[in-house]
C-alpha atoms as a PDB file:
ATOM      1  CA  MET A   1      -3.771  89.850 125.789  1.00  0.00           C
ATOM      2  CA  ILE A   2      -4.962  93.215 126.911  1.00  0.00           C
ATOM      3  CA  SER A   3      -4.881  96.548 125.057  1.00  0.00           C
ATOM      4  CA  LEU A   4      -3.282  99.077 126.727  1.00  0.00           C
ATOM      5  CA  THR A   5      -1.855 102.869 126.260  1.00  0.00           C
ATOM      6  CA  ARG A   6       1.865 104.075 126.942  1.00  0.00           C
ATOM      7  CA  LEU A   7       1.937 107.480 128.502  1.00  0.00           C
ATOM      8  CA  ASN A   8       2.789 109.064 125.033  1.00  0.00           C
ATOM      9  CA  GLY A   9      -0.598 108.006 123.774  1.00  0.00           C
ATOM     10  CA  ARG A  10       0.464 105.190 121.825  1.00  0.00           C
ATOM     11  CA  PRO A  11      -1.687 101.931 122.111  1.00  0.00           C
ATOM     12  CA  PHE A  12      -0.065  98.482 122.688  1.00  0.00           C
ATOM     13  CA  VAL A  13      -1.174  94.787 123.584  1.00  0.00           C
ATOM     14  CA  LEU A  14       0.509  93.125 126.693  1.00  0.00           C
ATOM     15  CA  ASN A  15       0.123  89.556 127.285  1.00  0.00           C
ATOM     16  CA  ALA A  16      -1.309  89.505 130.459  1.00  0.00           C
ATOM     17  CA  GLU A  17       0.264  86.075 131.731  1.00  0.00           C
ATOM     18  CA  HIS A  18       3.438  88.336 131.934  1.00  0.00           C
ATOM     19  CA  ILE A  19       2.386  90.695 134.287  1.00  0.00           C
ATOM     20  CA  ARG A  20       4.019  90.160 137.959  1.00  0.00           C
ATOM     21  CA  THR A  21       2.891  93.488 139.597  1.00  0.00           C
ATOM     22  CA  VAL A  22       0.586  96.658 139.048  1.00  0.00           C
ATOM     23  CA  GLU A  23       1.517  99.834 141.069  1.00  0.00           C
ATOM     24  CA  GLU A  24       0.463 103.470 141.152  1.00  0.00           C
ATOM     25  CA  ASN A  25       2.914 106.042 142.279  1.00  0.00           C
ATOM     26  CA  PRO A  26       0.818 108.260 141.005  1.00  0.00           C
ATOM     27  CA  ASP A  27       1.657 106.779 137.084  1.00  0.00           C
ATOM     28  CA  THR A  28       0.765 103.232 136.447  1.00  0.00           C
ATOM     29  CA  VAL A  29       3.487 101.031 136.693  1.00  0.00           C
ATOM     30  CA  ILE A  30       3.500  97.409 135.428  1.00  0.00           C
ATOM     31  CA  THR A  31       6.710  95.199 136.271  1.00  0.00           C
ATOM     32  CA  LEU A  32       6.697  92.190 134.139  1.00  0.00           C
ATOM     33  CA  THR A  33       7.933  88.720 135.004  1.00  0.00           C
ATOM     34  CA  SER A  34      11.109  89.661 133.075  1.00  0.00           C
ATOM     35  CA  GLY A  35      11.667  92.320 135.300  1.00  0.00           C
ATOM     36  CA  GLU A  36      10.680  95.198 132.539  1.00  0.00           C
ATOM     37  CA  HIS A  37       8.750  98.147 133.780  1.00  0.00           C
ATOM     38  CA  LEU A  38       6.106  99.586 131.676  1.00  0.00           C
ATOM     39  CA  LEU A  39       4.080 102.940 132.477  1.00  0.00           C
ATOM     40  CA  VAL A  40       0.487 102.866 131.110  1.00  0.00           C
ATOM     41  CA  ARG A  41      -2.289 105.589 131.174  1.00  0.00           C
ATOM     42  CA  GLU A  42      -4.810 103.117 132.508  1.00  0.00           C
ATOM     43  CA  SER A  43      -5.713 102.969 136.391  1.00  0.00           C
ATOM     44  CA  THR A  44      -4.474 100.005 138.592  1.00  0.00           C
ATOM     45  CA  ARG A  45      -8.246  99.205 138.659  1.00  0.00           C
ATOM     46  CA  GLU A  46      -8.681  99.347 134.440  1.00  0.00           C
ATOM     47  CA  VAL A  47      -5.405  97.173 134.371  1.00  0.00           C
ATOM     48  CA  ILE A  48      -7.053  94.311 137.028  1.00  0.00           C
ATOM     49  CA  ASP A  49     -10.431  94.684 135.478  1.00  0.00           C
ATOM     50  CA  ARG A  50      -8.667  93.945 131.892  1.00  0.00           C
ATOM     51  CA  VAL A  51      -6.428  91.122 133.288  1.00  0.00           C
ATOM     52  CA  VAL A  52      -9.766  89.472 134.972  1.00  0.00           C
ATOM     53  CA  GLU A  53     -11.996  89.585 131.320  1.00  0.00           C
ATOM     54  CA  TYR A  54      -8.949  88.201 129.464  1.00  0.00           C
ATOM     55  CA  GLY A  55      -9.021  85.059 132.083  1.00  0.00           C
ATOM     56  CA  ARG A  56     -12.762  84.803 131.892  1.00  0.00           C
ATOM     57  CA  THR A  57     -12.217  84.672 128.131  1.00  0.00           C
ATOM     58  CA  LEU A  58      -9.535  82.234 128.308  1.00  0.00           C
ATOM     59  CA  ARG A  59     -12.176  79.842 130.597  1.00  0.00           C
ATOM     60  CA  ARG A  60     -14.799  80.164 127.963  1.00  0.00           C
ATOM     61  CA  LEU A  61     -12.660  78.824 125.443  1.00  0.00           C
ATOM     62  CA  LEU A  62     -12.011  75.479 127.238  1.00  0.00           C
ATOM     63  CA  PRO A  63     -14.158  72.866 126.533  1.00  0.00           C
ATOM     64  CA  PRO A  64     -16.255  71.363 129.906  1.00  0.00           C
ATOM     65  CA  SER A  65     -14.757  68.932 131.734  1.00  0.00           C
END
């Protein structure tokens, strides 16, 4: 899960595994696998960094193979 901010300033949490695409036009638009679109205050780079960190956190939770 990643924390983001709607354009109106309200924070929310998004399951990063449901993200299909992230674009800036100039607002950042996140398209989910369901087809829903979310507008957020964060830049594309910030969203990507949070998704990458989320993935790293998940991998740290896995037991060594």
